[in-house]
């Protein structure tokens, strides 16, 4: 089954499936480690994307505040 990694919720569900499959002996350790590594990198990307979004919103708020203070 393909991993659904298009958003954080689907990634969480896919990671849960990987863990369940590994725990049940349906997945070998090498594949489980590889997929866990992929999830780690994906999580870093989602975090970076969210931080950039927050930073952009914060910049907009600062501009609005500066405009009101003038």
C-alpha atoms as a PDB file:
ATOM      1  CA  UNK A   1       0.000   0.000   0.000  1.00  0.00           C
ATOM      2  CA  UNK A   2       1.344   3.432  -0.931  1.00  0.00           C
ATOM      3  CA  UNK A   3       2.073   5.967   1.777  1.00  0.00           C
ATOM      4  CA  UNK A   4      -0.204   8.994   1.731  1.00  0.00           C
ATOM      5  CA  UNK A   5       2.066  11.899   2.619  1.00  0.00           C
ATOM      6  CA  UNK A   6       0.253  14.857   1.062  1.00  0.00           C
ATOM      7  CA  UNK A   7      -0.578  16.486   4.407  1.00  0.00           C
ATOM      8  CA  UNK A   8       0.285  16.115   8.069  1.00  0.00           C
ATOM      9  CA  UNK A   9      -2.879  14.179   8.943  1.00  0.00           C
ATOM     10  CA  UNK A  10      -2.359  11.586   6.202  1.00  0.00           C
ATOM     11  CA  UNK A  11       1.325  11.338   7.104  1.00  0.00           C
ATOM     12  CA  UNK A  12       0.364  10.646  10.741  1.00  0.00           C
ATOM     13  CA  UNK A  13      -2.040   7.919   9.640  1.00  0.00           C
ATOM     14  CA  UNK A  14       0.562   6.395   7.325  1.00  0.00           C
ATOM     15  CA  UNK A  15       3.160   6.375  10.099  1.00  0.00           C
ATOM     16  CA  UNK A  16       0.666   4.625  12.357  1.00  0.00           C
ATOM     17  CA  UNK A  17       0.107   2.003   9.671  1.00  0.00           C
ATOM     18  CA  UNK A  18       3.860   1.474   9.270  1.00  0.00           C
ATOM     19  CA  UNK A  19       4.254   1.021  13.021  1.00  0.00           C
ATOM     20  CA  UNK A  20       1.336  -1.407  13.194  1.00  0.00           C
ATOM     21  CA  UNK A  21       2.659  -3.412  10.231  1.00  0.00           C
ATOM     22  CA  UNK A  22       6.139  -3.585  11.747  1.00  0.00           C
ATOM     23  CA  UNK A  23       4.765  -4.561  15.145  1.00  0.00           C
ATOM     24  CA  UNK A  24       2.644  -7.308  13.557  1.00  0.00           C
ATOM     25  CA  UNK A  25       5.659  -8.671  11.665  1.00  0.00           C
ATOM     26  CA  UNK A  26       4.258  -7.644   8.267  1.00  0.00           C
ATOM     27  CA  UNK A  27       7.223  -5.361   7.529  1.00  0.00           C
ATOM     28  CA  UNK A  28      10.919  -6.060   7.913  1.00  0.00           C
ATOM     29  CA  UNK A  29      13.114  -3.836  10.055  1.00  0.00           C
ATOM     30  CA  UNK A  30      15.043  -2.315   7.134  1.00  0.00           C
ATOM     31  CA  UNK A  31      11.883  -1.141   5.374  1.00  0.00           C
ATOM     32  CA  UNK A  32      10.412   0.168   8.655  1.00  0.00           C
ATOM     33  CA  UNK A  33      13.611   2.121   9.373  1.00  0.00           C
ATOM     34  CA  UNK A  34      13.652   3.548   5.848  1.00  0.00           C
ATOM     35  CA  UNK A  35      10.041   4.675   6.068  1.00  0.00           C
ATOM     36  CA  UNK A  36      10.601   6.125   9.557  1.00  0.00           C
ATOM     37  CA  UNK A  37      13.509   8.133   8.126  1.00  0.00           C
ATOM     38  CA  UNK A  38      11.240   9.412   5.357  1.00  0.00           C
ATOM     39  CA  UNK A  39       8.674  10.475   7.963  1.00  0.00           C
ATOM     40  CA  UNK A  40      11.377  12.288   9.937  1.00  0.00           C
ATOM     41  CA  UNK A  41      12.410  14.284   6.869  1.00  0.00           C
ATOM     42  CA  UNK A  42       8.797  14.960   5.945  1.00  0.00           C
ATOM     43  CA  UNK A  43       8.106  16.222   9.450  1.00  0.00           C
ATOM     44  CA  UNK A  44      11.061  18.595   9.136  1.00  0.00           C
ATOM     45  CA  UNK A  45       9.594  19.894   5.879  1.00  0.00           C
ATOM     46  CA  UNK A  46       6.119  20.391   7.381  1.00  0.00           C
ATOM     47  CA  UNK A  47       7.680  22.195  10.360  1.00  0.00           C
ATOM     48  CA  UNK A  48       9.772  24.437   8.085  1.00  0.00           C
ATOM     49  CA  UNK A  49       6.716  25.205   5.949  1.00  0.00           C
ATOM     50  CA  UNK A  50       4.620  26.089   9.021  1.00  0.00           C
ATOM     51  CA  UNK A  51       7.374  28.261  10.507  1.00  0.00           C
ATOM     52  CA  UNK A  52       7.652  30.175   7.226  1.00  0.00           C
ATOM     53  CA  UNK A  53       3.891  30.665   7.148  1.00  0.00           C
ATOM     54  CA  UNK A  54       3.875  31.957  10.722  1.00  0.00           C
ATOM     55  CA  UNK A  55       6.813  34.263   9.991  1.00  0.00           C
ATOM     56  CA  UNK A  56       4.984  35.706   6.947  1.00  0.00           C
ATOM     57  CA  UNK A  57       1.833  36.309   8.998  1.00  0.00           C
ATOM     58  CA  UNK A  58       3.879  37.927  11.743  1.00  0.00           C
ATOM     59  CA  UNK A  59       5.520  40.241   9.224  1.00  0.00           C
ATOM     60  CA  UNK A  60       2.100  41.278   7.918  1.00  0.00           C
ATOM     61  CA  UNK A  61       0.885  41.995  11.457  1.00  0.00           C
ATOM     62  CA  UNK A  62       3.994  44.078  12.158  1.00  0.00           C
ATOM     63  CA  UNK A  63       3.393  46.105   9.001  1.00  0.00           C
ATOM     64  CA  UNK A  64      -0.212  46.742  10.011  1.00  0.00           C
ATOM     65  CA  UNK A  65       0.831  47.826  13.506  1.00  0.00           C
ATOM     66  CA  UNK A  66       3.526  50.099  12.130  1.00  0.00           C
ATOM     67  CA  UNK A  67       0.979  51.637   9.751  1.00  0.00           C
ATOM     68  CA  UNK A  68      -1.421  52.302  12.632  1.00  0.00           C
ATOM     69  CA  UNK A  69       1.309  53.904  14.730  1.00  0.00           C
ATOM     70  CA  UNK A  70       2.110  56.528  12.071  1.00  0.00           C
END
